Amino acid sequence: MSLFTVTDARSQFLLTDAAAAKVRSLMEAEETPDLVLRVAVRPGGCSGFSYEMFFDTEVADDDVRSTQGGVTVVIDPASFGHLRGATLDYRDGLTDAGFHISNPNAQRTCGCGQSFS
């Protein structure tokens, strides 16, 4: 299997330390070996596209793959065009808690933060 691995930080999807720690914790709770974090962009949402994140055990040959903070992230090639240079962060607190994607490719975002164009 030949996977495309991104090594240039400016051209990859980045995880903050907080996001990597939270993803690792959630993966450990799943007790399933070989899990990866799949991040994708799908048509829909109030601004045109929406983000998807889920654990996966299948990695396609053409998936873009990187490992950061002990977490393997995979992105399909079509989604990677929208996510190149974006950062996944995790915030814990009383307000605005959860995962958030900062995407330099988004021209417009909606109030929920899960949709962009």
PDB file of N, CA and C in Angstrom:
ATOM      1  N   MET A   1       0.843  -1.161   0.000  1.00  0.00           N
ATOM      2  CA  MET A   1       0.000   0.000   0.000  1.00  0.00           C
ATOM      3  C   MET A   1       0.898   1.238   0.000  1.00  0.00           C
ATOM      4  N   SER A   2       0.721   2.140  -0.955  1.00  0.00           N
ATOM      5  CA  SER A   2       1.527   3.348  -1.013  1.00  0.00           C
ATOM      6  C   SER A   2       0.663   4.544  -0.665  1.00  0.00           C
ATOM      7  N   LEU A   3       0.875   5.096   0.518  1.00  0.00           N
ATOM      8  CA  LEU A   3       0.096   6.225   0.981  1.00  0.00           C
ATOM      9  C   LEU A   3       0.889   7.498   0.791  1.00  0.00           C
ATOM     10  N   PHE A   4       0.202   8.564   0.445  1.00  0.00           N
ATOM     11  CA  PHE A   4       0.824   9.864   0.308  1.00  0.00           C
ATOM     12  C   PHE A   4       0.911  10.481   1.684  1.00  0.00           C
ATOM     13  N   THR A   5       2.107  10.747   2.163  1.00  0.00           N
ATOM     14  CA  THR A   5       2.307  11.333   3.474  1.00  0.00           C
ATOM     15  C   THR A   5       2.764  12.770   3.304  1.00  0.00           C
ATOM     16  N   VAL A   6       2.100  13.682   3.972  1.00  0.00           N
ATOM     17  CA  VAL A   6       2.437  15.092   3.884  1.00  0.00           C
ATOM     18  C   VAL A   6       3.424  15.434   4.982  1.00  0.00           C
ATOM     19  N   THR A   7       4.521  16.091   4.615  1.00  0.00           N
ATOM     20  CA  THR A   7       5.517  16.444   5.617  1.00  0.00           C
ATOM     21  C   THR A   7       5.720  17.939   5.759  1.00  0.00           C
ATOM     22  N   ASP A   8       5.321  18.745   4.791  1.00  0.00           N
ATOM     23  CA  ASP A   8       5.466  20.191   4.847  1.00  0.00           C
ATOM     24  C   ASP A   8       4.324  20.764   5.678  1.00  0.00           C
ATOM     25  N   ALA A   9       4.640  21.389   6.817  1.00  0.00           N
ATOM     26  CA  ALA A   9       3.615  21.867   7.744  1.00  0.00           C
ATOM     27  C   ALA A   9       2.655  22.862   7.101  1.00  0.00           C
ATOM     28  N   ARG A  10       3.112  23.646   6.140  1.00  0.00           N
ATOM     29  CA  ARG A  10       2.230  24.632   5.503  1.00  0.00           C
ATOM     30  C   ARG A  10       1.199  23.982   4.603  1.00  0.00           C
ATOM     31  N   SER A  11       1.447  22.754   4.194  1.00  0.00           N
ATOM     32  CA  SER A  11       0.538  22.115   3.240  1.00  0.00           C
ATOM     33  C   SER A  11      -0.221  20.937   3.842  1.00  0.00           C
ATOM     34  N   GLN A  12      -0.172  20.806   5.162  1.00  0.00           N
ATOM     35  CA  GLN A  12      -0.900  19.695   5.749  1.00  0.00           C
ATOM     36  C   GLN A  12      -2.004  20.165   6.674  1.00  0.00           C
ATOM     37  N   PHE A  13      -2.792  19.239   7.105  1.00  0.00           N
ATOM     38  CA  PHE A  13      -3.835  19.472   8.087  1.00  0.00           C
ATOM     39  C   PHE A  13      -3.196  19.258   9.448  1.00  0.00           C
ATOM     40  N   LEU A  14      -3.198  20.270  10.301  1.00  0.00           N
ATOM     41  CA  LEU A  14      -2.483  20.204  11.568  1.00  0.00           C
ATOM     42  C   LEU A  14      -3.415  19.960  12.746  1.00  0.00           C
ATOM     43  N   LEU A  15      -2.902  19.284  13.762  1.00  0.00           N
ATOM     44  CA  LEU A  15      -3.600  19.103  15.027  1.00  0.00           C
ATOM     45  C   LEU A  15      -2.837  19.864  16.099  1.00  0.00           C
ATOM     46  N   THR A  16      -3.561  20.616  16.924  1.00  0.00           N
ATOM     47  CA  THR A  16      -2.907  21.220  18.077  1.00  0.00           C
ATOM     48  C   THR A  16      -2.629  20.115  19.090  1.00  0.00           C
ATOM     49  N   ASP A  17      -1.792  20.416  20.067  1.00  0.00           N
ATOM     50  CA  ASP A  17      -1.514  19.429  21.113  1.00  0.00           C
ATOM     51  C   ASP A  17      -2.794  19.037  21.849  1.00  0.00           C
ATOM     52  N   ALA A  18      -3.673  20.021  22.094  1.00  0.00           N
ATOM     53  CA  ALA A  18      -4.935  19.737  22.797  1.00  0.00           C
ATOM     54  C   ALA A  18      -5.821  18.812  21.972  1.00  0.00           C
ATOM     55  N   ALA A  19      -5.895  19.051  20.665  1.00  0.00           N
ATOM     56  CA  ALA A  19      -6.717  18.197  19.797  1.00  0.00           C
ATOM     57  C   ALA A  19      -6.149  16.786  19.742  1.00  0.00           C
ATOM     58  N   ALA A  20      -4.840  16.662  19.588  1.00  0.00           N
ATOM     59  CA  ALA A  20      -4.225  15.338  19.521  1.00  0.00           C
ATOM     60  C   ALA A  20      -4.462  14.567  20.819  1.00  0.00           C
ATOM     61  N   ALA A  21      -4.326  15.238  21.954  1.00  0.00           N
ATOM     62  CA  ALA A  21      -4.542  14.568  23.246  1.00  0.00           C
ATOM     63  C   ALA A  21      -5.986  14.094  23.381  1.00  0.00           C
ATOM     64  N   LYS A  22      -6.944  14.921  22.967  1.00  0.00           N
ATOM     65  CA  LYS A  22      -8.356  14.528  23.089  1.00  0.00           C
ATOM     66  C   LYS A  22      -8.681  13.381  22.134  1.00  0.00           C
ATOM     67  N   VAL A  23      -8.176  13.442  20.909  1.00  0.00           N
ATOM     68  CA  VAL A  23      -8.412  12.369  19.941  1.00  0.00           C
ATOM     69  C   VAL A  23      -7.800  11.069  20.445  1.00  0.00           C
ATOM     70  N   ARG A  24      -6.575  11.120  20.960  1.00  0.00           N
ATOM     71  CA  ARG A  24      -5.933   9.906  21.516  1.00  0.00           C
ATOM     72  C   ARG A  24      -6.779   9.316  22.633  1.00  0.00           C
ATOM     73  N   SER A  25      -7.286  10.167  23.510  1.00  0.00           N
ATOM     74  CA  SER A  25      -8.121   9.709  24.618  1.00  0.00           C
ATOM     75  C   SER A  25      -9.390   9.028  24.107  1.00  0.00           C
ATOM     76  N   LEU A  26     -10.025   9.618  23.118  1.00  0.00           N
ATOM     77  CA  LEU A  26     -11.242   9.026  22.554  1.00  0.00           C
ATOM     78  C   LEU A  26     -10.944   7.710  21.837  1.00  0.00           C
ATOM     79  N   MET A  27      -9.809   7.651  21.157  1.00  0.00           N
ATOM     80  CA  MET A  27      -9.427   6.411  20.458  1.00  0.00           C
ATOM     81  C   MET A  27      -9.149   5.288  21.454  1.00  0.00           C
ATOM     82  N   GLU A  28      -8.473   5.616  22.535  1.00  0.00           N
ATOM     83  CA  GLU A  28      -8.181   4.604  23.557  1.00  0.00           C
ATOM     84  C   GLU A  28      -9.468   4.037  24.140  1.00  0.00           C
ATOM     85  N   ALA A  29     -10.469   4.869  24.305  1.00  0.00           N
ATOM     86  CA  ALA A  29     -11.750   4.425  24.855  1.00  0.00           C
ATOM     87  C   ALA A  29     -12.471   3.474  23.903  1.00  0.00           C
ATOM     88  N   GLU A  30     -12.189   3.580  22.612  1.00  0.00           N
ATOM     89  CA  GLU A  30     -12.817   2.705  21.616  1.00  0.00           C
ATOM     90  C   GLU A  30     -12.306   1.272  21.691  1.00  0.00           C
ATOM     91  N   GLU A  31     -11.099   1.089  22.199  1.00  0.00           N
ATOM     92  CA  GLU A  31     -10.471  -0.231  22.335  1.00  0.00           C
ATOM     93  C   GLU A  31     -10.477  -1.011  21.016  1.00  0.00           C
ATOM     94  N   THR A  32     -10.246  -0.291  19.918  1.00  0.00           N
ATOM     95  CA  THR A  32     -10.155  -0.902  18.593  1.00  0.00           C
ATOM     96  C   THR A  32      -8.782  -0.577  18.027  1.00  0.00           C
ATOM     97  N   PRO A  33      -7.990  -1.587  17.719  1.00  0.00           N
ATOM     98  CA  PRO A  33      -6.651  -1.313  17.186  1.00  0.00           C
ATOM     99  C   PRO A  33      -6.730  -0.704  15.782  1.00  0.00           C
ATOM    100  N   ASP A  34      -5.689   0.007  15.419  1.00  0.00           N
ATOM    101  CA  ASP A  34      -5.522   0.552  14.067  1.00  0.00           C
ATOM    102  C   ASP A  34      -6.544   1.616  13.687  1.00  0.00           C
ATOM    103  N   LEU A  35      -7.086   2.335  14.655  1.00  0.00           N
ATOM    104  CA  LEU A  35      -7.997   3.427  14.329  1.00  0.00           C
ATOM    105  C   LEU A  35      -7.204   4.630  13.831  1.00  0.00           C
ATOM    106  N   VAL A  36      -7.781   5.332  12.864  1.00  0.00           N
ATOM    107  CA  VAL A  36      -7.238   6.598  12.391  1.00  0.00           C
ATOM    108  C   VAL A  36      -8.352   7.633  12.496  1.00  0.00           C
ATOM    109  N   LEU A  37      -7.972   8.895  12.524  1.00  0.00           N
ATOM    110  CA  LEU A  37      -8.951   9.971  12.498  1.00  0.00           C
ATOM    111  C   LEU A  37      -9.144  10.377  11.043  1.00  0.00           C
ATOM    112  N   ARG A  38     -10.343  10.202  10.543  1.00  0.00           N
ATOM    113  CA  ARG A  38     -10.659  10.619   9.173  1.00  0.00           C
ATOM    114  C   ARG A  38     -11.349  11.971   9.239  1.00  0.00           C
ATOM    115  N   VAL A  39     -10.813  12.916   8.478  1.00  0.00           N
ATOM    116  CA  VAL A  39     -11.397  14.244   8.370  1.00  0.00           C
ATOM    117  C   VAL A  39     -11.809  14.422   6.918  1.00  0.00           C
ATOM    118  N   ALA A  40     -13.020  14.933   6.708  1.00  0.00           N
ATOM    119  CA  ALA A  40     -13.528  15.059   5.343  1.00  0.00           C
ATOM    120  C   ALA A  40     -14.361  16.331   5.218  1.00  0.00           C
ATOM    121  N   VAL A  41     -14.562  16.724   3.982  1.00  0.00           N
ATOM    122  CA  VAL A  41     -15.435  17.840   3.640  1.00  0.00           C
ATOM    123  C   VAL A  41     -16.530  17.277   2.754  1.00  0.00           C
ATOM    124  N   ARG A  42     -17.771  17.602   3.070  1.00  0.00           N
ATOM    125  CA  ARG A  42     -18.915  17.114   2.305  1.00  0.00           C
ATOM    126  C   ARG A  42     -19.781  18.290   1.883  1.00  0.00           C
ATOM    127  N   PRO A  43     -20.444  18.197   0.744  1.00  0.00           N
ATOM    128  CA  PRO A  43     -21.397  19.242   0.367  1.00  0.00           C
ATOM    129  C   PRO A  43     -22.522  19.297   1.388  1.00  0.00           C
ATOM    130  N   GLY A  44     -22.956  20.495   1.707  1.00  0.00           N
ATOM    131  CA  GLY A  44     -24.054  20.659   2.644  1.00  0.00           C
ATOM    132  C   GLY A  44     -23.736  21.688   3.703  1.00  0.00           C
ATOM    133  N   GLY A  45     -24.584  21.794   4.659  1.00  0.00           N
ATOM    134  CA  GLY A  45     -24.426  22.801   5.702  1.00  0.00           C
ATOM    135  C   GLY A  45     -24.964  24.133   5.223  1.00  0.00           C
ATOM    136  N   CYS A  46     -25.018  25.086   6.099  1.00  0.00           N
ATOM    137  CA  CYS A  46     -25.635  26.369   5.754  1.00  0.00           C
ATOM    138  C   CYS A  46     -24.739  27.259   4.905  1.00  0.00           C
ATOM    139  N   SER A  47     -23.466  26.920   4.733  1.00  0.00           N
ATOM    140  CA  SER A  47     -22.575  27.749   3.920  1.00  0.00           C
ATOM    141  C   SER A  47     -22.065  27.041   2.669  1.00  0.00           C
ATOM    142  N   GLY A  48     -22.458  25.813   2.423  1.00  0.00           N
ATOM    143  CA  GLY A  48     -22.047  25.121   1.199  1.00  0.00           C
ATOM    144  C   GLY A  48     -21.314  23.816   1.434  1.00  0.00           C
ATOM    145  N   PHE A  49     -20.399  23.792   2.393  1.00  0.00           N
ATOM    146  CA  PHE A  49     -19.654  22.581   2.740  1.00  0.00           C
ATOM    147  C   PHE A  49     -19.708  22.398   4.246  1.00  0.00           C
ATOM    148  N   SER A  50     -19.583  21.154   4.682  1.00  0.00           N
ATOM    149  CA  SER A  50     -19.506  20.893   6.121  1.00  0.00           C
ATOM    150  C   SER A  50     -18.366  19.926   6.397  1.00  0.00           C
ATOM    151  N   TYR A  51     -17.848  20.007   7.610  1.00  0.00           N
ATOM    152  CA  TYR A  51     -16.755  19.144   8.042  1.00  0.00           C
ATOM    153  C   TYR A  51     -17.320  17.852   8.622  1.00  0.00           C
ATOM    154  N   GLU A  52     -16.599  16.768   8.405  1.00  0.00           N
ATOM    155  CA  GLU A  52     -16.897  15.491   9.049  1.00  0.00           C
ATOM    156  C   GLU A  52     -15.621  14.987   9.698  1.00  0.00           C
ATOM    157  N   MET A  53     -15.758  14.410  10.873  1.00  0.00           N
ATOM    158  CA  MET A  53     -14.638  13.754  11.545  1.00  0.00           C
ATOM    159  C   MET A  53     -15.167  12.483  12.178  1.00  0.00           C
ATOM    160  N   PHE A  54     -14.442  11.393  11.954  1.00  0.00           N
ATOM    161  CA  PHE A  54     -14.839  10.132  12.573  1.00  0.00           C
ATOM    162  C   PHE A  54     -13.644   9.195  12.585  1.00  0.00           C
ATOM    163  N   PHE A  55     -13.740   8.171  13.421  1.00  0.00           N
ATOM    164  CA  PHE A  55     -12.695   7.164  13.474  1.00  0.00           C
ATOM    165  C   PHE A  55     -12.944   6.149  12.383  1.00  0.00           C
ATOM    166  N   ASP A  56     -11.872   5.666  11.782  1.00  0.00           N
ATOM    167  CA  ASP A  56     -11.967   4.742  10.664  1.00  0.00           C
ATOM    168  C   ASP A  56     -10.873   3.692  10.810  1.00  0.00           C
ATOM    169  N   THR A  57     -11.113   2.538  10.246  1.00  0.00           N
ATOM    170  CA  THR A  57     -10.084   1.492  10.221  1.00  0.00           C
ATOM    171  C   THR A  57      -9.597   1.239   8.803  1.00  0.00           C
ATOM    172  N   GLU A  58     -10.251   1.866   7.834  1.00  0.00           N
ATOM    173  CA  GLU A  58      -9.864   1.669   6.440  1.00  0.00           C
ATOM    174  C   GLU A  58      -9.173   2.913   5.903  1.00  0.00           C
ATOM    175  N   VAL A  59      -8.049   2.693   5.239  1.00  0.00           N
ATOM    176  CA  VAL A  59      -7.294   3.778   4.631  1.00  0.00           C
ATOM    177  C   VAL A  59      -7.105   3.431   3.161  1.00  0.00           C
ATOM    178  N   ALA A  60      -7.531   4.335   2.288  1.00  0.00           N
ATOM    179  CA  ALA A  60      -7.410   4.109   0.843  1.00  0.00           C
ATOM    180  C   ALA A  60      -5.989   4.446   0.383  1.00  0.00           C
ATOM    181  N   ASP A  61      -5.596   3.873  -0.721  1.00  0.00           N
ATOM    182  CA  ASP A  61      -4.260   4.111  -1.264  1.00  0.00           C
ATOM    183  C   ASP A  61      -3.995   5.585  -1.556  1.00  0.00           C
ATOM    184  N   ASP A  62      -5.020   6.316  -1.954  1.00  0.00           N
ATOM    185  CA  ASP A  62      -4.813   7.715  -2.320  1.00  0.00           C
ATOM    186  C   ASP A  62      -5.136   8.699  -1.193  1.00  0.00           C
ATOM    187  N   ASP A  63      -5.432   8.205   0.007  1.00  0.00           N
ATOM    188  CA  ASP A  63      -5.658   9.101   1.140  1.00  0.00           C
ATOM    189  C   ASP A  63      -4.372   9.850   1.488  1.00  0.00           C
ATOM    190  N   VAL A  64      -4.529  11.110   1.861  1.00  0.00           N
ATOM    191  CA  VAL A  64      -3.414  11.887   2.396  1.00  0.00           C
ATOM    192  C   VAL A  64      -3.317  11.523   3.870  1.00  0.00           C
ATOM    193  N   ARG A  65      -2.112  11.214   4.315  1.00  0.00           N
ATOM    194  CA  ARG A  65      -1.926  10.679   5.667  1.00  0.00           C
ATOM    195  C   ARG A  65      -0.823  11.441   6.380  1.00  0.00           C
ATOM    196  N   SER A  66      -1.057  11.761   7.657  1.00  0.00           N
ATOM    197  CA  SER A  66      -0.010  12.343   8.492  1.00  0.00           C
ATOM    198  C   SER A  66      -0.194  11.828   9.911  1.00  0.00           C
ATOM    199  N   THR A  67       0.893  11.782  10.657  1.00  0.00           N
ATOM    200  CA  THR A  67       0.832  11.371  12.052  1.00  0.00           C
ATOM    201  C   THR A  67       1.355  12.517  12.895  1.00  0.00           C
ATOM    202  N   GLN A  68       0.533  12.945  13.849  1.00  0.00           N
ATOM    203  CA  GLN A  68       0.869  14.077  14.702  1.00  0.00           C
ATOM    204  C   GLN A  68       0.432  13.778  16.122  1.00  0.00           C
ATOM    205  N   GLY A  69       1.315  13.967  17.064  1.00  0.00           N
ATOM    206  CA  GLY A  69       0.964  13.764  18.464  1.00  0.00           C
ATOM    207  C   GLY A  69       0.432  12.387  18.763  1.00  0.00           C
ATOM    208  N   GLY A  70       0.903  11.377  18.017  1.00  0.00           N
ATOM    209  CA  GLY A  70       0.456  10.012  18.233  1.00  0.00           C
ATOM    210  C   GLY A  70      -0.865   9.686  17.561  1.00  0.00           C
ATOM    211  N   VAL A  71      -1.389  10.589  16.734  1.00  0.00           N
ATOM    212  CA  VAL A  71      -2.653  10.382  16.038  1.00  0.00           C
ATOM    213  C   VAL A  71      -2.393  10.361  14.537  1.00  0.00           C
ATOM    214  N   THR A  72      -2.892   9.324  13.866  1.00  0.00           N
ATOM    215  CA  THR A  72      -2.809   9.276  12.412  1.00  0.00           C
ATOM    216  C   THR A  72      -4.080   9.885  11.849  1.00  0.00           C
ATOM    217  N   VAL A  73      -3.897  10.890  10.987  1.00  0.00           N
ATOM    218  CA  VAL A  73      -5.005  11.594  10.349  1.00  0.00           C
ATOM    219  C   VAL A  73      -5.000  11.216   8.876  1.00  0.00           C
ATOM    220  N   VAL A  74      -6.169  10.856   8.344  1.00  0.00           N
ATOM    221  CA  VAL A  74      -6.289  10.569   6.917  1.00  0.00           C
ATOM    222  C   VAL A  74      -7.388  11.452   6.326  1.00  0.00           C
ATOM    223  N   ILE A  75      -7.129  11.909   5.104  1.00  0.00           N
ATOM    224  CA  ILE A  75      -8.052  12.793   4.397  1.00  0.00           C
ATOM    225  C   ILE A  75      -8.096  12.346   2.946  1.00  0.00           C
ATOM    226  N   ASP A  76      -9.298  12.185   2.405  1.00  0.00           N
ATOM    227  CA  ASP A  76      -9.395  11.815   0.995  1.00  0.00           C
ATOM    228  C   ASP A  76      -8.901  12.988   0.143  1.00  0.00           C
ATOM    229  N   PRO A  77      -8.400  12.704  -1.072  1.00  0.00           N
ATOM    230  CA  PRO A  77      -7.795  13.762  -1.887  1.00  0.00           C
ATOM    231  C   PRO A  77      -8.724  14.943  -2.187  1.00  0.00           C
ATOM    232  N   ALA A  78     -10.001  14.701  -2.456  1.00  0.00           N
ATOM    233  CA  ALA A  78     -10.925  15.799  -2.749  1.00  0.00           C
ATOM    234  C   ALA A  78     -11.095  16.705  -1.529  1.00  0.00           C
ATOM    235  N   SER A  79     -11.214  16.119  -0.349  1.00  0.00           N
ATOM    236  CA  SER A  79     -11.353  16.911   0.877  1.00  0.00           C
ATOM    237  C   SER A  79     -10.070  17.656   1.205  1.00  0.00           C
ATOM    238  N   PHE A  80      -8.928  17.038   0.903  1.00  0.00           N
ATOM    239  CA  PHE A  80      -7.654  17.660   1.250  1.00  0.00           C
ATOM    240  C   PHE A  80      -7.478  18.996   0.544  1.00  0.00           C
ATOM    241  N   GLY A  81      -8.019  19.126  -0.655  1.00  0.00           N
ATOM    242  CA  GLY A  81      -7.950  20.405  -1.351  1.00  0.00           C
ATOM    243  C   GLY A  81      -8.602  21.527  -0.561  1.00  0.00           C
ATOM    244  N   HIS A  82      -9.638  21.215   0.198  1.00  0.00           N
ATOM    245  CA  HIS A  82     -10.331  22.204   1.022  1.00  0.00           C
ATOM    246  C   HIS A  82      -9.681  22.369   2.396  1.00  0.00           C
ATOM    247  N   LEU A  83      -8.921  21.365   2.844  1.00  0.00           N
ATOM    248  CA  LEU A  83      -8.383  21.351   4.205  1.00  0.00           C
ATOM    249  C   LEU A  83      -6.888  21.645   4.285  1.00  0.00           C
ATOM    250  N   ARG A  84      -6.238  21.809   3.158  1.00  0.00           N
ATOM    251  CA  ARG A  84      -4.787  22.066   3.135  1.00  0.00           C
ATOM    252  C   ARG A  84      -4.479  23.317   3.959  1.00  0.00           C
ATOM    253  N   GLY A  85      -3.615  23.157   4.958  1.00  0.00           N
ATOM    254  CA  GLY A  85      -3.213  24.280   5.796  1.00  0.00           C
ATOM    255  C   GLY A  85      -4.143  24.563   6.969  1.00  0.00           C
ATOM    256  N   ALA A  86      -5.222  23.793   7.116  1.00  0.00           N
ATOM    257  CA  ALA A  86      -6.166  24.001   8.221  1.00  0.00           C
ATOM    258  C   ALA A  86      -5.630  23.382   9.510  1.00  0.00           C
ATOM    259  N   THR A  87      -6.193  23.806  10.628  1.00  0.00           N
ATOM    260  CA  THR A  87      -5.778  23.322  11.940  1.00  0.00           C
ATOM    261  C   THR A  87      -6.994  22.874  12.732  1.00  0.00           C
ATOM    262  N   LEU A  88      -6.888  21.691  13.341  1.00  0.00           N
ATOM    263  CA  LEU A  88      -7.915  21.188  14.244  1.00  0.00           C
ATOM    264  C   LEU A  88      -7.471  21.459  15.668  1.00  0.00           C
ATOM    265  N   ASP A  89      -8.344  22.122  16.429  1.00  0.00           N
ATOM    266  CA  ASP A  89      -8.063  22.428  17.827  1.00  0.00           C
ATOM    267  C   ASP A  89      -9.173  21.840  18.687  1.00  0.00           C
ATOM    268  N   TYR A  90      -8.883  21.653  19.961  1.00  0.00           N
ATOM    269  CA  TYR A  90      -9.891  21.209  20.920  1.00  0.00           C
ATOM    270  C   TYR A  90      -9.869  22.181  22.086  1.00  0.00           C
ATOM    271  N   ARG A  91     -11.066  22.670  22.435  1.00  0.00           N
ATOM    272  CA  ARG A  91     -11.199  23.583  23.561  1.00  0.00           C
ATOM    273  C   ARG A  91     -12.119  22.942  24.579  1.00  0.00           C
ATOM    274  N   ASP A  92     -11.743  23.084  25.845  1.00  0.00           N
ATOM    275  CA  ASP A  92     -12.556  22.552  26.927  1.00  0.00           C
ATOM    276  C   ASP A  92     -12.925  23.709  27.836  1.00  0.00           C
ATOM    277  N   GLY A  93     -14.181  23.860  28.102  1.00  0.00           N
ATOM    278  CA  GLY A  93     -14.610  24.955  28.960  1.00  0.00           C
ATOM    279  C   GLY A  93     -16.118  25.044  28.997  1.00  0.00           C
ATOM    280  N   LEU A  94     -16.607  26.080  29.649  1.00  0.00           N
ATOM    281  CA  LEU A  94     -18.046  26.248  29.793  1.00  0.00           C
ATOM    282  C   LEU A  94     -18.708  26.687  28.494  1.00  0.00           C
ATOM    283  N   THR A  95     -18.012  27.466  27.692  1.00  0.00           N
ATOM    284  CA  THR A  95     -18.568  27.912  26.412  1.00  0.00           C
ATOM    285  C   THR A  95     -17.599  27.568  25.290  1.00  0.00           C
ATOM    286  N   ASP A  96     -18.134  27.328  24.133  1.00  0.00           N
ATOM    287  CA  ASP A  96     -17.340  27.075  22.933  1.00  0.00           C
ATOM    288  C   ASP A  96     -16.444  25.841  23.059  1.00  0.00           C
ATOM    289  N   ALA A  97     -16.887  24.841  23.817  1.00  0.00           N
ATOM    290  CA  ALA A  97     -16.102  23.626  24.016  1.00  0.00           C
ATOM    291  C   ALA A  97     -16.259  22.699  22.819  1.00  0.00           C
ATOM    292  N   GLY A  98     -15.231  21.898  22.557  1.00  0.00           N
ATOM    293  CA  GLY A  98     -15.276  20.897  21.497  1.00  0.00           C
ATOM    294  C   GLY A  98     -14.194  21.121  20.464  1.00  0.00           C
ATOM    295  N   PHE A  99     -14.300  20.389  19.358  1.00  0.00           N
ATOM    296  CA  PHE A  99     -13.340  20.491  18.268  1.00  0.00           C
ATOM    297  C   PHE A  99     -13.708  21.652  17.352  1.00  0.00           C
ATOM    298  N   HIS A 100     -12.681  22.359  16.886  1.00  0.00           N
ATOM    299  CA  HIS A 100     -12.871  23.499  15.994  1.00  0.00           C
ATOM    300  C   HIS A 100     -11.812  23.451  14.902  1.00  0.00           C
ATOM    301  N   ILE A 101     -12.221  23.710  13.673  1.00  0.00           N
ATOM    302  CA  ILE A 101     -11.290  23.744  12.550  1.00  0.00           C
ATOM    303  C   ILE A 101     -11.092  25.187  12.120  1.00  0.00           C
ATOM    304  N   SER A 102      -9.842  25.631  12.111  1.00  0.00           N
ATOM    305  CA  SER A 102      -9.479  26.939  11.553  1.00  0.00           C
ATOM    306  C   SER A 102      -8.978  26.666  10.150  1.00  0.00           C
ATOM    307  N   ASN A 103      -9.703  27.177   9.165  1.00  0.00           N
ATOM    308  CA  ASN A 103      -9.416  26.832   7.778  1.00  0.00           C
ATOM    309  C   ASN A 103      -9.110  28.086   6.961  1.00  0.00           C
ATOM    310  N   PRO A 104      -7.849  28.260   6.533  1.00  0.00           N
ATOM    311  CA  PRO A 104      -7.500  29.440   5.742  1.00  0.00           C
ATOM    312  C   PRO A 104      -8.139  29.427   4.350  1.00  0.00           C
ATOM    313  N   ASN A 105      -8.675  28.308   3.926  1.00  0.00           N
ATOM    314  CA  ASN A 105      -9.306  28.201   2.612  1.00  0.00           C
ATOM    315  C   ASN A 105     -10.769  28.627   2.626  1.00  0.00           C
ATOM    316  N   ALA A 106     -11.349  28.772   3.797  1.00  0.00           N
ATOM    317  CA  ALA A 106     -12.764  29.139   3.915  1.00  0.00           C
ATOM    318  C   ALA A 106     -12.925  30.626   3.648  1.00  0.00           C
ATOM    319  N   GLN A 107     -13.750  30.953   2.679  1.00  0.00           N
ATOM    320  CA  GLN A 107     -14.020  32.357   2.380  1.00  0.00           C
ATOM    321  C   GLN A 107     -15.129  32.893   3.272  1.00  0.00           C
ATOM    322  N   ARG A 108     -16.008  31.985   3.704  1.00  0.00           N
ATOM    323  CA  ARG A 108     -17.143  32.372   4.539  1.00  0.00           C
ATOM    324  C   ARG A 108     -17.476  31.203   5.447  1.00  0.00           C
ATOM    325  N   THR A 109     -17.811  31.466   6.691  1.00  0.00           N
ATOM    326  CA  THR A 109     -18.238  30.415   7.612  1.00  0.00           C
ATOM    327  C   THR A 109     -19.585  30.799   8.210  1.00  0.00           C
ATOM    328  N   CYS A 110     -20.266  29.800   8.746  1.00  0.00           N
ATOM    329  CA  CYS A 110     -21.547  30.079   9.394  1.00  0.00           C
ATOM    330  C   CYS A 110     -21.337  30.211  10.896  1.00  0.00           C
ATOM    331  N   GLY A 111     -22.378  30.569  11.586  1.00  0.00           N
ATOM    332  CA  GLY A 111     -22.297  30.769  13.018  1.00  0.00           C
ATOM    333  C   GLY A 111     -21.967  29.522  13.806  1.00  0.00           C
ATOM    334  N   CYS A 112     -22.344  28.332  13.283  1.00  0.00           N
ATOM    335  CA  CYS A 112     -22.102  27.088  14.016  1.00  0.00           C
ATOM    336  C   CYS A 112     -20.642  26.658  13.942  1.00  0.00           C
ATOM    337  N   GLY A 113     -19.886  27.175  12.972  1.00  0.00           N
ATOM    338  CA  GLY A 113     -18.484  26.820  12.834  1.00  0.00           C
ATOM    339  C   GLY A 113     -18.255  25.487  12.162  1.00  0.00           C
ATOM    340  N   GLN A 114     -19.298  24.802  11.749  1.00  0.00           N
ATOM    341  CA  GLN A 114     -19.161  23.497  11.117  1.00  0.00           C
ATOM    342  C   GLN A 114     -19.380  23.550   9.613  1.00  0.00           C
ATOM    343  N   SER A 115     -19.666  24.736   9.089  1.00  0.00           N
ATOM    344  CA  SER A 115     -19.985  24.876   7.682  1.00  0.00           C
ATOM    345  C   SER A 115     -19.195  26.037   7.101  1.00  0.00           C
ATOM    346  N   PHE A 116     -18.803  25.917   5.828  1.00  0.00           N
ATOM    347  CA  PHE A 116     -18.000  26.967   5.197  1.00  0.00           C
ATOM    348  C   PHE A 116     -18.194  26.943   3.693  1.00  0.00           C
ATOM    349  N   SER A 117     -17.692  27.975   3.048  1.00  0.00           N
ATOM    350  CA  SER A 117     -17.662  28.005   1.587  1.00  0.00           C
ATOM    351  C   SER A 117     -16.337  28.575   1.134  1.00  0.00           C
TER     352      SER A 117
END
